[in-house]
Every structure is written in structure tokens, then in C-alpha cells.
Amino acid sequence: MAARSTNPPVSFGLDRLATPIGIALLVTDAEGALRALDWADYEHRMRELLRLHYGAVDLSDQPAPAELRTGLSRYFEGDLGQLSGIAWRIAGTPFQQKVWTALAEIPAGTTMSYGALAARIETPRAIRAVGHANGSNPISVVLPCHRLIGADGSLVKYGGGLDRKRWLLRHEGVEI
């Protein structure tokens, strides 16, 4: 029987940032790019998404780059344009990458249905696949999955809870 090859764990830094809606967990790589942003009360979900995207992951306490922390803090203080300056990187399928890139292009203060996003990325029949990719997004807020809503305008699932989604949308000026 041949020995199984195992890859060493991927190493990322883990930092915490107090926000008006809870403690944000910031996962960054050696170059300072954001790999995950989730909430302390959803840490298990974040770790599972990291495992799905990268395999074994070793998280060690490490401060996130100052510009990342500052950009997020300024966003939560009301400077909504700060998110576009945050460097991020995610492992995922080409379809997931397409969805996540399209999420980053939805302007603050704007919402979009899953169907509209599917049409935007030229896969109009892939509404469920867009929803699945959106649910697999490990970088909350910066890749603004909170801006996706139901076709009827309803707030639908959000990995950090609907109260946070509602707060984020109101913070960005969306009437709910």
C-alpha cells in the first residue's frame, strides 16, 4: 500500500476588529491580503469555509495590516468607499471567482437579486449556483454578499445573520 501524500496546512494570520455589529474575524495571508472576514459568533462557519477552500488551515494570532484595519474601521464609520481599496484573495472555482468578483462590483447603497447577478455574469439560468457561490463567500462585507436580496425585495439568507444584513444595508443607505 502506497503512502498517502498530505499537504502541510496553509498558514494564515487571524486578527479581531470591534465593529458596531460585533467582533469581526480577519484572516490574512503573508502578503496581507484578506482571505476571510466573518463574525466571532460564526467562527465555526468561517473555519469550515476556509477548510473547504484551502484544505487544512493553521490560523495564528497575527495583526492584520494597518491599512486593512483602517479601511474596515472607516467603512463602519460611514466612509463606504473604503471597501474597494481592500486587497483580497480567495481560492475557489472559476464560477465562484466570477460571482465573488461581481459581488465586489455592486455599489454600496445598491441591492441586486440573485437572478440579476446571474444575468450580469452571463449565466441567467444559474440563479441557484449564484446563491450557492454567494453562501460560500468567506469574505463578508468586503465581498458584499449582504447586497443580494430575493427577487421580491425580501431579505434572504446571510451567513452573519439577518440582523447584521439589515444593519449593513441600512448603514449603506438602503431602505428596507
Protein backbone atom coordinates (compact mmCIF):
# COMPACT_ATOMS: atom_id res chain seq x y z
CA MET A 1 0.00 0.00 0.00
CA ALA A 2 1.42 3.37 -1.09
CA ALA A 3 1.79 6.15 1.45
CA ARG A 4 -0.72 8.93 1.11
CA SER A 5 0.69 12.33 0.31
CA THR A 6 -0.60 15.06 2.58
CA ASN A 7 -0.09 18.75 2.06
CA PRO A 8 1.02 20.85 5.01
CA PRO A 9 -1.61 23.21 6.40
CA VAL A 10 -1.93 26.63 4.80
CA SER A 11 -0.88 29.30 7.32
CA PHE A 12 -2.90 32.47 7.77
CA GLY A 13 -2.99 35.18 10.40
CA LEU A 14 -6.09 35.83 12.49
CA ASP A 15 -6.98 39.23 13.91
CA ARG A 16 -10.10 40.70 15.51
CA LEU A 17 -11.73 44.06 14.92
CA ALA A 18 -14.53 45.56 17.01
CA THR A 19 -17.38 46.84 14.83
CA PRO A 20 -20.85 48.20 15.60
CA ILE A 21 -22.30 44.76 14.78
CA GLY A 22 -19.86 42.53 16.60
CA ILE A 23 -16.28 41.35 16.57
CA ALA A 24 -15.06 40.77 13.02
CA LEU A 25 -12.53 37.99 12.47
CA LEU A 26 -9.94 38.99 9.87
CA VAL A 27 -7.92 36.25 8.20
CA THR A 28 -4.95 37.40 6.12
CA ASP A 29 -2.15 35.78 4.19
CA ALA A 30 1.60 36.51 4.34
CA GLU A 31 1.19 39.30 1.75
CA GLY A 32 -1.54 40.97 3.82
CA ALA A 33 -4.44 40.07 1.52
CA LEU A 34 -7.76 39.38 3.20
CA ARG A 35 -8.72 35.69 2.91
CA ALA A 36 -11.75 35.67 5.21
CA LEU A 37 -13.90 38.06 7.19
CA ASP A 38 -16.59 36.67 9.42
CA TRP A 39 -18.03 37.29 12.85
CA ALA A 40 -16.77 35.87 16.14
CA ASP A 41 -20.14 34.23 16.79
CA TYR A 42 -19.83 32.48 13.39
CA GLU A 43 -16.20 31.38 13.77
CA HIS A 44 -17.12 27.74 13.18
CA ARG A 45 -18.68 28.66 9.82
CA MET A 46 -15.58 30.67 8.86
CA ARG A 47 -13.25 27.82 9.71
CA GLU A 48 -15.38 25.41 7.69
CA LEU A 49 -15.33 27.72 4.65
CA LEU A 50 -11.55 28.05 4.96
CA ARG A 51 -11.23 24.26 5.11
CA LEU A 52 -13.42 23.86 2.03
CA HIS A 53 -11.42 26.42 0.06
CA TYR A 54 -7.88 25.61 1.23
CA GLY A 55 -7.84 22.22 2.95
CA ALA A 56 -6.02 22.16 6.26
CA VAL A 57 -5.54 25.69 7.62
CA ASP A 58 -3.39 26.86 10.51
CA LEU A 59 -4.62 30.16 11.99
CA SER A 60 -2.24 32.00 14.28
CA ASP A 61 -2.90 35.26 16.09
CA GLN A 62 -1.34 37.95 13.95
CA PRO A 63 -2.29 41.58 13.44
CA ALA A 64 -3.90 42.35 10.10
CA PRO A 65 -2.18 45.08 8.07
CA ALA A 66 -2.92 48.58 9.38
CA GLU A 67 -4.42 49.69 6.05
CA LEU A 68 -6.89 46.79 6.17
CA ARG A 69 -7.96 47.56 9.73
CA THR A 70 -8.20 51.29 8.93
CA GLY A 71 -10.22 50.70 5.75
CA LEU A 72 -12.73 48.50 7.57
CA SER A 73 -12.97 50.89 10.53
CA ARG A 74 -13.62 53.80 8.18
CA TYR A 75 -16.30 51.80 6.35
CA PHE A 76 -18.09 51.17 9.64
CA GLU A 77 -17.74 54.88 10.48
CA GLY A 78 -19.58 55.75 7.24
CA ASP A 79 -16.89 56.03 4.53
CA LEU A 80 -18.48 53.35 2.35
CA GLY A 81 -15.92 53.66 -0.46
CA GLN A 82 -13.18 52.19 1.73
CA LEU A 83 -14.09 48.59 0.85
CA SER A 84 -12.87 48.90 -2.74
CA GLY A 85 -9.32 49.57 -1.54
CA ILE A 86 -9.02 46.37 0.48
CA ALA A 87 -6.85 43.67 -1.11
CA TRP A 88 -8.48 40.23 -1.06
CA ARG A 89 -7.75 36.80 -2.46
CA ILE A 90 -9.83 33.61 -2.35
CA ALA A 91 -9.36 30.10 -3.62
CA GLY A 92 -12.45 28.88 -5.43
CA THR A 93 -13.77 27.50 -8.68
CA PRO A 94 -13.77 29.75 -11.76
CA PHE A 95 -17.54 30.17 -11.36
CA GLN A 96 -17.22 31.14 -7.69
CA GLN A 97 -14.47 33.62 -8.60
CA LYS A 98 -16.76 35.16 -11.21
CA VAL A 99 -19.60 35.53 -8.69
CA TRP A 100 -17.33 36.98 -6.00
CA THR A 101 -15.77 39.47 -8.41
CA ALA A 102 -19.27 40.54 -9.49
CA LEU A 103 -20.28 40.95 -5.82
CA ALA A 104 -17.37 43.35 -5.33
CA GLU A 105 -18.75 45.47 -8.19
CA ILE A 106 -22.18 46.05 -6.60
CA PRO A 107 -22.01 49.62 -5.30
CA ALA A 108 -22.74 50.44 -1.68
CA GLY A 109 -26.33 51.56 -1.25
CA THR A 110 -27.46 49.20 -4.01
CA THR A 111 -29.05 45.77 -3.85
CA MET A 112 -29.41 43.15 -6.52
CA SER A 113 -31.36 39.93 -6.81
CA TYR A 114 -29.64 36.61 -7.29
CA GLY A 115 -31.23 36.42 -10.75
CA ALA A 116 -29.90 39.85 -11.71
CA LEU A 117 -26.39 38.84 -10.61
CA ALA A 118 -26.67 35.59 -12.60
CA ALA A 119 -27.64 37.65 -15.66
CA ARG A 120 -24.80 40.11 -15.04
CA ILE A 121 -22.24 37.29 -15.19
CA GLU A 122 -23.94 35.94 -18.32
CA THR A 123 -25.37 32.80 -16.71
CA PRO A 124 -29.04 33.80 -16.33
CA ARG A 125 -30.22 30.27 -15.54
CA ALA A 126 -27.65 29.77 -12.79
CA ILE A 127 -29.59 31.52 -10.02
CA ARG A 128 -29.18 28.65 -7.56
CA ALA A 129 -25.49 28.29 -8.40
CA VAL A 130 -25.06 32.03 -7.77
CA GLY A 131 -26.80 31.57 -4.43
CA HIS A 132 -24.50 28.67 -3.55
CA ALA A 133 -21.37 30.64 -4.51
CA ASN A 134 -22.66 33.60 -2.52
CA GLY A 135 -23.16 31.34 0.51
CA SER A 136 -19.59 30.03 0.09
CA ASN A 137 -18.12 33.53 0.15
CA PRO A 138 -15.67 33.64 3.08
CA ILE A 139 -15.11 37.42 2.88
CA SER A 140 -18.18 39.06 4.35
CA VAL A 141 -18.69 42.82 3.96
CA VAL A 142 -15.75 43.36 1.54
CA LEU A 143 -17.32 40.97 -0.97
CA PRO A 144 -20.77 42.33 -0.16
CA CYS A 145 -22.98 39.27 -0.20
CA HIS A 146 -25.32 41.28 2.06
CA ARG A 147 -26.32 43.29 -1.04
CA LEU A 148 -28.04 40.28 -2.61
CA ILE A 149 -31.76 40.07 -1.91
CA GLY A 150 -34.69 37.98 -3.06
CA ALA A 151 -36.39 38.71 -6.38
CA ASP A 152 -39.36 40.09 -4.42
CA GLY A 153 -37.11 42.50 -2.50
CA SER A 154 -37.05 40.42 0.67
CA LEU A 155 -34.00 39.94 2.81
CA VAL A 156 -32.90 36.38 2.40
CA LYS A 157 -30.10 34.37 3.95
CA TYR A 158 -26.93 35.98 5.25
CA GLY A 159 -24.12 33.98 6.83
CA GLY A 160 -23.76 36.50 9.65
CA GLY A 161 -27.49 36.60 10.42
CA LEU A 162 -30.31 38.71 9.05
CA ASP A 163 -29.93 41.36 11.78
CA ARG A 164 -26.40 42.10 10.55
CA LYS A 165 -27.55 42.10 6.92
CA ARG A 166 -30.29 44.58 7.81
CA TRP A 167 -27.79 46.79 9.68
CA LEU A 168 -25.26 46.70 6.81
CA LEU A 169 -27.89 47.64 4.23
CA ARG A 170 -29.25 50.47 6.39
CA HIS A 171 -25.69 51.65 7.05
CA GLU A 172 -25.22 51.86 3.28
CA GLY A 173 -28.45 53.83 2.86
CA VAL A 174 -30.74 51.08 1.58
CA GLU A 175 -34.39 51.47 2.57
CA ILE A 176 -35.65 48.18 3.99
